[in-house]
C-alpha atoms as a PDB file:
ATOM      1  CA  UNK A   1      -0.831  45.391 -10.884  1.00  0.00           C
ATOM      2  CA  UNK A   2       2.462  44.521  -8.637  1.00  0.00           C
ATOM      3  CA  UNK A   3      -0.277  43.813  -5.546  1.00  0.00           C
ATOM      4  CA  UNK A   4      -2.121  41.658  -7.474  1.00  0.00           C
ATOM      5  CA  UNK A   5       0.571  39.565  -9.017  1.00  0.00           C
ATOM      6  CA  UNK A   6       2.324  38.885  -5.861  1.00  0.00           C
ATOM      7  CA  UNK A   7      -1.013  37.766  -4.363  1.00  0.00           C
ATOM      8  CA  UNK A   8      -1.375  40.545  -1.647  1.00  0.00           C
ATOM      9  CA  UNK A   9      -4.746  41.859  -3.615  1.00  0.00           C
ATOM     10  CA  UNK A  10      -7.119  38.737  -3.808  1.00  0.00           C
ATOM     11  CA  UNK A  11      -9.746  38.226  -6.546  1.00  0.00           C
ATOM     12  CA  UNK A  12     -11.406  35.696  -5.024  1.00  0.00           C
ATOM     13  CA  UNK A  13     -14.045  38.154  -3.025  1.00  0.00           C
ATOM     14  CA  UNK A  14     -15.260  39.348  -6.270  1.00  0.00           C
ATOM     15  CA  UNK A  15     -15.588  35.804  -8.002  1.00  0.00           C
ATOM     16  CA  UNK A  16     -17.336  34.886  -5.002  1.00  0.00           C
ATOM     17  CA  UNK A  17     -20.238  37.463  -5.064  1.00  0.00           C
ATOM     18  CA  UNK A  18     -20.602  36.341  -8.991  1.00  0.00           C
ATOM     19  CA  UNK A  19     -20.823  33.039  -8.227  1.00  0.00           C
ATOM     20  CA  UNK A  20     -23.110  33.484  -5.298  1.00  0.00           C
ATOM     21  CA  UNK A  21     -25.756  35.389  -7.734  1.00  0.00           C
ATOM     22  CA  UNK A  22     -25.390  32.585 -10.388  1.00  0.00           C
ATOM     23  CA  UNK A  23     -25.930  29.775  -7.713  1.00  0.00           C
ATOM     24  CA  UNK A  24     -28.689  31.295  -6.478  1.00  0.00           C
ATOM     25  CA  UNK A  25     -30.379  31.356  -9.879  1.00  0.00           C
ATOM     26  CA  UNK A  26     -29.399  28.163 -11.765  1.00  0.00           C
ATOM     27  CA  UNK A  27     -29.434  25.674  -8.532  1.00  0.00           C
ATOM     28  CA  UNK A  28     -33.328  25.984  -7.727  1.00  0.00           C
ATOM     29  CA  UNK A  29     -33.396  25.675 -11.129  1.00  0.00           C
ATOM     30  CA  UNK A  30     -31.330  22.652 -12.192  1.00  0.00           C
ATOM     31  CA  UNK A  31     -32.733  20.905  -8.785  1.00  0.00           C
ATOM     32  CA  UNK A  32     -36.492  21.318  -9.800  1.00  0.00           C
ATOM     33  CA  UNK A  33     -35.548  20.031 -13.387  1.00  0.00           C
ATOM     34  CA  UNK A  34     -33.955  17.317 -12.266  1.00  0.00           C
ATOM     35  CA  UNK A  35     -36.747  16.521  -9.455  1.00  0.00           C
ATOM     36  CA  UNK A  36     -39.054  16.449 -12.515  1.00  0.00           C
ATOM     37  CA  UNK A  37     -36.853  14.366 -14.778  1.00  0.00           C
ATOM     38  CA  UNK A  38     -36.726  11.597 -12.165  1.00  0.00           C
ATOM     39  CA  UNK A  39     -40.092  11.975 -10.933  1.00  0.00           C
ATOM     40  CA  UNK A  40     -41.112  11.502 -14.747  1.00  0.00           C
ATOM     41  CA  UNK A  41     -38.768   8.730 -15.759  1.00  0.00           C
ATOM     42  CA  UNK A  42     -38.932   6.568 -12.397  1.00  0.00           C
ATOM     43  CA  UNK A  43     -41.499   7.587 -10.472  1.00  0.00           C
ATOM     44  CA  UNK A  44     -44.324   8.224 -13.551  1.00  0.00           C
ATOM     45  CA  UNK A  45     -47.679   6.493 -12.302  1.00  0.00           C
ATOM     46  CA  UNK A  46     -46.735   6.657  -8.742  1.00  0.00           C
ATOM     47  CA  UNK A  47     -46.835  10.285  -8.906  1.00  0.00           C
ATOM     48  CA  UNK A  48     -50.093  10.696 -10.964  1.00  0.00           C
ATOM     49  CA  UNK A  49     -51.766   8.405  -8.715  1.00  0.00           C
ATOM     50  CA  UNK A  50     -50.437  11.048  -5.868  1.00  0.00           C
ATOM     51  CA  UNK A  51     -51.178  14.191  -7.572  1.00  0.00           C
ATOM     52  CA  UNK A  52     -55.018  12.887  -8.162  1.00  0.00           C
ATOM     53  CA  UNK A  53     -55.749  11.852  -4.391  1.00  0.00           C
ATOM     54  CA  UNK A  54     -54.012  14.276  -2.811  1.00  0.00           C
ATOM     55  CA  UNK A  55     -56.656  17.428  -1.114  1.00  0.00           C
ATOM     56  CA  UNK A  56     -56.522  21.061  -1.569  1.00  0.00           C
ATOM     57  CA  UNK A  57     -54.701  20.778   1.912  1.00  0.00           C
ATOM     58  CA  UNK A  58     -52.580  18.454   1.211  1.00  0.00           C
ATOM     59  CA  UNK A  59     -51.480  20.576  -1.781  1.00  0.00           C
ATOM     60  CA  UNK A  60     -50.937  23.741   0.103  1.00  0.00           C
ATOM     61  CA  UNK A  61     -48.801  21.467   2.821  1.00  0.00           C
ATOM     62  CA  UNK A  62     -46.155  20.510   0.302  1.00  0.00           C
ATOM     63  CA  UNK A  63     -46.280  23.643  -1.471  1.00  0.00           C
ATOM     64  CA  UNK A  64     -45.512  25.120   1.580  1.00  0.00           C
ATOM     65  CA  UNK A  65     -42.655  22.444   2.629  1.00  0.00           C
ATOM     66  CA  UNK A  66     -41.090  22.799  -0.753  1.00  0.00           C
ATOM     67  CA  UNK A  67     -41.113  27.128  -0.390  1.00  0.00           C
ATOM     68  CA  UNK A  68     -39.045  26.328   3.263  1.00  0.00           C
ATOM     69  CA  UNK A  69     -36.745  24.083   1.353  1.00  0.00           C
ATOM     70  CA  UNK A  70     -36.307  26.419  -1.076  1.00  0.00           C
ATOM     71  CA  UNK A  71     -35.237  28.804   1.469  1.00  0.00           C
ATOM     72  CA  UNK A  72     -33.414  27.538   3.804  1.00  0.00           C
ATOM     73  CA  UNK A  73     -31.250  26.576   0.790  1.00  0.00           C
ATOM     74  CA  UNK A  74     -30.806  29.929   0.258  1.00  0.00           C
ATOM     75  CA  UNK A  75     -30.240  30.778   2.691  1.00  0.00           C
ATOM     76  CA  UNK A  76     -27.643  28.093   3.721  1.00  0.00           C
ATOM     77  CA  UNK A  77     -25.959  29.378  -0.017  1.00  0.00           C
ATOM     78  CA  UNK A  78     -25.777  32.591   1.429  1.00  0.00           C
ATOM     79  CA  UNK A  79     -24.198  31.829   4.745  1.00  0.00           C
ATOM     80  CA  UNK A  80     -21.641  29.582   3.295  1.00  0.00           C
ATOM     81  CA  UNK A  81     -20.698  32.396   0.737  1.00  0.00           C
ATOM     82  CA  UNK A  82     -20.834  35.098   3.530  1.00  0.00           C
ATOM     83  CA  UNK A  83     -18.347  32.842   5.340  1.00  0.00           C
ATOM     84  CA  UNK A  84     -15.715  32.438   2.313  1.00  0.00           C
ATOM     85  CA  UNK A  85     -15.640  36.532   2.198  1.00  0.00           C
ATOM     86  CA  UNK A  86     -15.536  37.117   6.013  1.00  0.00           C
ATOM     87  CA  UNK A  87     -12.039  35.098   6.043  1.00  0.00           C
ATOM     88  CA  UNK A  88     -11.031  37.065   2.759  1.00  0.00           C
ATOM     89  CA  UNK A  89     -11.900  40.254   4.569  1.00  0.00           C
ATOM     90  CA  UNK A  90     -10.073  38.960   8.211  1.00  0.00           C
ATOM     91  CA  UNK A  91      -7.320  38.608   5.636  1.00  0.00           C
ATOM     92  CA  UNK A  92      -7.129  41.685   4.507  1.00  0.00           C
ATOM     93  CA  UNK A  93      -7.458  43.361   7.985  1.00  0.00           C
ATOM     94  CA  UNK A  94      -4.484  41.510   8.752  1.00  0.00           C
ATOM     95  CA  UNK A  95      -2.798  42.443   5.877  1.00  0.00           C
ATOM     96  CA  UNK A  96      -2.934  46.364   7.106  1.00  0.00           C
ATOM     97  CA  UNK A  97      -1.656  45.451  10.795  1.00  0.00           C
ATOM     98  CA  UNK A  98       1.733  44.873   8.727  1.00  0.00           C
END
């Protein structure tokens, strides 16, 4: 308890892991909802015309691009949190040297 109160022990690494998993699930869902909402309000006619005129190959290409963007977003999210956790691991290693 003394280490916690004097900031020798951080709770942030545990919180970072929790926020990583929450963000990995919530961010794609919210992004999809916002994109769907914007499309339905501002680009409803254009999007319906595009959906009608796309071939199967073009739909596959768009789906592949969306999947690639999703994977890149998740990898970036993971790398960002790994950086934060590594920072706290470095701090812990340096504190052990004292």
